Amino acid sequence: MLYAPELGQKPEPRLFHSEHCYQSLYELAWKVEDDAQAREVMKKLRIRPARSEIEKREQGKHLTADRLKSDIFMCCITSEANRKLMDADVTAKRELLD
């Protein structure tokens, strides 16, 4: 599911939330309460963090956590991994119009 907030679009409920970081990397985030399910989906789809470990971020200290209104876990993944999540329809990809 792809959405553009600058066009007034809102994300539909999905397990993951992703957006492009830099080069071919995407930031992947999921709510703390969905951690077990998220890690199971990542294992099933054979997705591992790229260039970073999974980190916990608190609401009020990280923009994505504030947007999701929850503490989150996050990591960077490759564009190929993000494509797997998009194909499985388990991520809402935030697309900014530059």
N, C-alpha and C. Protein backbone atom coordinates (compact mmCIF):
# COMPACT_ATOMS: atom_id res chain seq x y z
N MET A 1 0.84 -1.17 0.00
CA MET A 1 0.00 0.00 0.00
C MET A 1 0.89 1.23 0.00
N LEU A 2 0.73 2.05 -0.99
CA LEU A 2 1.52 3.26 -1.17
C LEU A 2 0.63 4.47 -0.88
N TYR A 3 1.16 5.44 -0.11
CA TYR A 3 0.38 6.65 0.15
C TYR A 3 1.28 7.87 0.17
N ALA A 4 0.71 9.00 -0.18
CA ALA A 4 1.45 10.27 -0.21
C ALA A 4 0.75 11.25 0.74
N PRO A 5 1.35 11.52 1.90
CA PRO A 5 0.70 12.41 2.88
C PRO A 5 0.51 13.83 2.36
N GLU A 6 1.36 14.28 1.43
CA GLU A 6 1.23 15.64 0.91
C GLU A 6 -0.03 15.81 0.05
N LEU A 7 -0.59 14.69 -0.39
CA LEU A 7 -1.84 14.73 -1.15
C LEU A 7 -3.04 14.48 -0.24
N GLY A 8 -2.79 14.48 1.06
CA GLY A 8 -3.86 14.26 2.02
C GLY A 8 -4.21 12.79 2.22
N GLN A 9 -3.41 11.88 1.69
CA GLN A 9 -3.68 10.46 1.82
C GLN A 9 -3.22 9.96 3.18
N LYS A 10 -3.95 9.02 3.72
CA LYS A 10 -3.63 8.39 5.00
C LYS A 10 -3.32 6.92 4.76
N PRO A 11 -2.43 6.34 5.56
CA PRO A 11 -2.13 4.92 5.36
C PRO A 11 -3.26 4.03 5.87
N GLU A 12 -3.52 2.98 5.13
CA GLU A 12 -4.45 1.96 5.61
C GLU A 12 -3.70 1.11 6.64
N PRO A 13 -4.42 0.48 7.54
CA PRO A 13 -3.74 -0.32 8.56
C PRO A 13 -2.89 -1.43 7.94
N ARG A 14 -1.63 -1.47 8.31
CA ARG A 14 -0.69 -2.50 7.88
C ARG A 14 0.23 -2.82 9.04
N LEU A 15 0.83 -3.99 9.02
CA LEU A 15 1.75 -4.42 10.07
C LEU A 15 3.00 -3.55 10.11
N PHE A 16 3.53 -3.23 8.92
CA PHE A 16 4.76 -2.44 8.82
C PHE A 16 4.48 -1.08 8.19
N HIS A 17 5.40 -0.17 8.42
CA HIS A 17 5.40 1.15 7.77
C HIS A 17 6.81 1.37 7.26
N SER A 18 6.93 1.78 6.00
CA SER A 18 8.25 1.98 5.42
C SER A 18 8.32 3.27 4.63
N GLU A 19 9.55 3.77 4.49
CA GLU A 19 9.80 4.92 3.63
C GLU A 19 11.26 4.92 3.23
N HIS A 20 11.54 5.53 2.09
CA HIS A 20 12.89 5.56 1.55
C HIS A 20 13.79 6.40 2.46
N CYS A 21 14.99 5.89 2.76
CA CYS A 21 15.97 6.63 3.57
C CYS A 21 17.00 7.29 2.67
N TYR A 22 17.84 6.47 2.09
CA TYR A 22 18.89 6.95 1.20
C TYR A 22 19.37 5.78 0.36
N GLN A 23 19.92 6.12 -0.80
CA GLN A 23 20.40 5.12 -1.76
C GLN A 23 19.33 4.05 -1.95
N SER A 24 19.65 2.79 -1.70
CA SER A 24 18.65 1.73 -1.90
C SER A 24 18.14 1.19 -0.57
N LEU A 25 18.17 2.01 0.47
CA LEU A 25 17.72 1.58 1.79
C LEU A 25 16.39 2.22 2.17
N TYR A 26 15.60 1.45 2.90
CA TYR A 26 14.32 1.90 3.41
C TYR A 26 14.30 1.76 4.92
N GLU A 27 13.64 2.70 5.59
CA GLU A 27 13.41 2.58 7.02
C GLU A 27 12.14 1.75 7.18
N LEU A 28 12.23 0.71 7.99
CA LEU A 28 11.08 -0.15 8.27
C LEU A 28 10.73 -0.01 9.74
N ALA A 29 9.46 0.21 10.04
CA ALA A 29 9.03 0.38 11.43
C ALA A 29 7.76 -0.43 11.69
N TRP A 30 7.61 -0.86 12.94
CA TRP A 30 6.40 -1.54 13.37
C TRP A 30 6.20 -1.25 14.85
N LYS A 31 4.94 -1.31 15.27
CA LYS A 31 4.59 -1.00 16.65
C LYS A 31 5.11 -2.08 17.59
N VAL A 32 5.48 -1.68 18.81
CA VAL A 32 6.01 -2.60 19.80
C VAL A 32 5.02 -3.73 20.07
N GLU A 33 3.74 -3.43 20.11
CA GLU A 33 2.75 -4.47 20.41
C GLU A 33 2.61 -5.49 19.28
N ASP A 34 3.11 -5.17 18.09
CA ASP A 34 3.07 -6.09 16.95
C ASP A 34 4.40 -6.80 16.71
N ASP A 35 5.31 -6.71 17.68
CA ASP A 35 6.68 -7.19 17.48
C ASP A 35 6.75 -8.67 17.13
N ALA A 36 6.09 -9.54 17.87
CA ALA A 36 6.18 -10.98 17.60
C ALA A 36 5.68 -11.32 16.19
N GLN A 37 4.55 -10.74 15.82
CA GLN A 37 3.99 -10.99 14.49
C GLN A 37 4.92 -10.43 13.40
N ALA A 38 5.45 -9.25 13.61
CA ALA A 38 6.33 -8.62 12.63
C ALA A 38 7.59 -9.45 12.41
N ARG A 39 8.20 -9.91 13.48
CA ARG A 39 9.41 -10.70 13.35
C ARG A 39 9.13 -12.04 12.67
N GLU A 40 7.96 -12.60 12.91
CA GLU A 40 7.58 -13.85 12.25
C GLU A 40 7.42 -13.64 10.74
N VAL A 41 6.79 -12.54 10.34
CA VAL A 41 6.63 -12.24 8.92
C VAL A 41 8.00 -11.99 8.28
N MET A 42 8.87 -11.27 8.96
CA MET A 42 10.21 -11.02 8.43
C MET A 42 10.97 -12.35 8.25
N LYS A 43 10.82 -13.25 9.21
CA LYS A 43 11.49 -14.55 9.11
C LYS A 43 10.92 -15.35 7.94
N LYS A 44 9.61 -15.35 7.80
CA LYS A 44 8.95 -16.09 6.72
C LYS A 44 9.38 -15.56 5.35
N LEU A 45 9.49 -14.24 5.22
CA LEU A 45 9.87 -13.62 3.94
C LEU A 45 11.39 -13.52 3.76
N ARG A 46 12.13 -13.99 4.76
CA ARG A 46 13.60 -13.98 4.74
C ARG A 46 14.15 -12.56 4.59
N ILE A 47 13.67 -11.70 5.46
CA ILE A 47 14.10 -10.30 5.48
C ILE A 47 14.92 -10.06 6.74
N ARG A 48 16.09 -9.48 6.54
CA ARG A 48 16.97 -9.15 7.65
C ARG A 48 17.35 -7.67 7.57
N PRO A 49 17.66 -7.07 8.71
CA PRO A 49 18.11 -5.68 8.68
C PRO A 49 19.37 -5.52 7.84
N ALA A 50 19.47 -4.39 7.19
CA ALA A 50 20.65 -4.07 6.39
C ALA A 50 21.34 -2.85 6.99
N ARG A 51 22.60 -2.98 7.30
CA ARG A 51 23.42 -1.88 7.81
C ARG A 51 23.00 -1.35 9.18
N SER A 52 22.09 -2.00 9.83
CA SER A 52 21.70 -1.56 11.17
C SER A 52 21.03 -2.72 11.89
N GLU A 53 20.96 -2.63 13.18
CA GLU A 53 20.24 -3.61 13.98
C GLU A 53 18.84 -3.09 14.23
N ILE A 54 17.97 -3.95 14.72
CA ILE A 54 16.63 -3.53 15.09
C ILE A 54 16.75 -2.72 16.38
N GLU A 55 16.18 -1.52 16.35
CA GLU A 55 16.26 -0.61 17.50
C GLU A 55 14.86 -0.22 17.96
N LYS A 56 14.73 -0.02 19.24
CA LYS A 56 13.46 0.45 19.79
C LYS A 56 13.51 1.97 19.87
N ARG A 57 12.44 2.63 19.44
CA ARG A 57 12.34 4.09 19.49
C ARG A 57 11.07 4.46 20.25
N GLU A 58 11.17 5.46 21.09
CA GLU A 58 10.04 5.86 21.92
C GLU A 58 9.25 6.99 21.28
N GLN A 59 7.96 6.94 21.52
CA GLN A 59 7.10 8.02 21.06
C GLN A 59 7.53 9.30 21.76
N GLY A 60 7.57 10.39 21.02
CA GLY A 60 8.02 11.66 21.57
C GLY A 60 9.49 11.93 21.30
N LYS A 61 10.22 10.88 20.90
CA LYS A 61 11.65 11.03 20.62
C LYS A 61 12.00 10.66 19.18
N HIS A 62 11.03 10.22 18.42
CA HIS A 62 11.28 9.82 17.04
C HIS A 62 10.04 10.13 16.20
N LEU A 63 10.25 10.73 15.04
CA LEU A 63 9.15 11.18 14.18
C LEU A 63 8.21 10.04 13.76
N THR A 64 8.76 8.89 13.39
CA THR A 64 7.91 7.77 12.97
C THR A 64 7.08 7.26 14.13
N ALA A 65 7.66 7.19 15.32
CA ALA A 65 6.91 6.77 16.51
C ALA A 65 5.78 7.75 16.80
N ASP A 66 6.04 9.03 16.64
CA ASP A 66 4.99 10.03 16.84
C ASP A 66 3.87 9.86 15.82
N ARG A 67 4.24 9.63 14.57
CA ARG A 67 3.25 9.46 13.50
C ARG A 67 2.38 8.23 13.74
N LEU A 68 2.98 7.14 14.28
CA LEU A 68 2.23 5.91 14.55
C LEU A 68 1.57 5.92 15.93
N LYS A 69 1.86 6.95 16.72
CA LYS A 69 1.29 7.11 18.06
C LYS A 69 1.56 5.89 18.95
N SER A 70 2.81 5.40 18.87
CA SER A 70 3.21 4.23 19.63
C SER A 70 4.73 4.15 19.66
N ASP A 71 5.26 3.48 20.68
CA ASP A 71 6.68 3.12 20.63
C ASP A 71 6.83 2.13 19.48
N ILE A 72 8.00 2.14 18.83
CA ILE A 72 8.19 1.30 17.66
C ILE A 72 9.53 0.57 17.71
N PHE A 73 9.63 -0.46 16.89
CA PHE A 73 10.90 -1.05 16.54
C PHE A 73 11.16 -0.63 15.11
N MET A 74 12.43 -0.42 14.77
CA MET A 74 12.76 -0.02 13.41
C MET A 74 14.14 -0.52 13.02
N CYS A 75 14.33 -0.61 11.71
CA CYS A 75 15.62 -0.98 11.14
C CYS A 75 15.64 -0.52 9.69
N CYS A 76 16.79 -0.61 9.06
CA CYS A 76 16.90 -0.34 7.63
C CYS A 76 16.86 -1.67 6.89
N ILE A 77 16.21 -1.66 5.73
CA ILE A 77 16.16 -2.84 4.87
C ILE A 77 16.49 -2.42 3.44
N THR A 78 16.79 -3.37 2.60
CA THR A 78 17.09 -3.07 1.21
C THR A 78 15.81 -2.82 0.41
N SER A 79 15.96 -2.26 -0.77
CA SER A 79 14.80 -2.03 -1.63
C SER A 79 14.17 -3.36 -2.04
N GLU A 80 14.98 -4.41 -2.19
CA GLU A 80 14.44 -5.73 -2.53
C GLU A 80 13.58 -6.27 -1.39
N ALA A 81 14.01 -6.08 -0.16
CA ALA A 81 13.22 -6.51 1.00
C ALA A 81 11.93 -5.71 1.10
N ASN A 82 12.01 -4.41 0.83
CA ASN A 82 10.80 -3.59 0.85
C ASN A 82 9.82 -4.06 -0.23
N ARG A 83 10.32 -4.46 -1.39
CA ARG A 83 9.47 -4.97 -2.47
C ARG A 83 8.76 -6.24 -2.02
N LYS A 84 9.45 -7.12 -1.29
CA LYS A 84 8.83 -8.34 -0.76
C LYS A 84 7.66 -7.99 0.16
N LEU A 85 7.87 -7.00 1.02
CA LEU A 85 6.81 -6.58 1.94
C LEU A 85 5.63 -5.95 1.19
N MET A 86 5.94 -5.17 0.16
CA MET A 86 4.88 -4.56 -0.65
C MET A 86 4.09 -5.65 -1.39
N ASP A 87 4.78 -6.62 -1.96
CA ASP A 87 4.12 -7.71 -2.67
C ASP A 87 3.23 -8.54 -1.75
N ALA A 88 3.65 -8.69 -0.49
CA ALA A 88 2.86 -9.43 0.50
C ALA A 88 1.75 -8.57 1.10
N ASP A 89 1.72 -7.28 0.75
CA ASP A 89 0.71 -6.32 1.22
C ASP A 89 0.68 -6.20 2.74
N VAL A 90 1.89 -6.15 3.34
CA VAL A 90 1.97 -6.01 4.79
C VAL A 90 2.62 -4.71 5.22
N THR A 91 2.95 -3.82 4.26
CA THR A 91 3.54 -2.54 4.62
C THR A 91 2.82 -1.38 3.95
N ALA A 92 2.76 -0.28 4.67
CA ALA A 92 2.26 0.99 4.12
C ALA A 92 3.50 1.82 3.82
N LYS A 93 3.77 2.04 2.55
CA LYS A 93 4.97 2.77 2.15
C LYS A 93 4.62 4.25 2.00
N ARG A 94 5.31 5.07 2.77
CA ARG A 94 5.12 6.53 2.74
C ARG A 94 5.98 7.11 1.62
N GLU A 95 5.35 7.78 0.68
CA GLU A 95 6.05 8.35 -0.47
C GLU A 95 5.94 9.86 -0.40
N LEU A 96 7.09 10.53 -0.25
CA LEU A 96 7.09 11.98 -0.21
C LEU A 96 7.31 12.53 -1.60
N LEU A 97 6.58 13.57 -1.93
CA LEU A 97 6.68 14.20 -3.25
C LEU A 97 7.72 15.31 -3.18
N ASP A 98 8.87 15.10 -3.75
CA ASP A 98 9.94 16.09 -3.70
C ASP A 98 9.91 16.99 -4.91
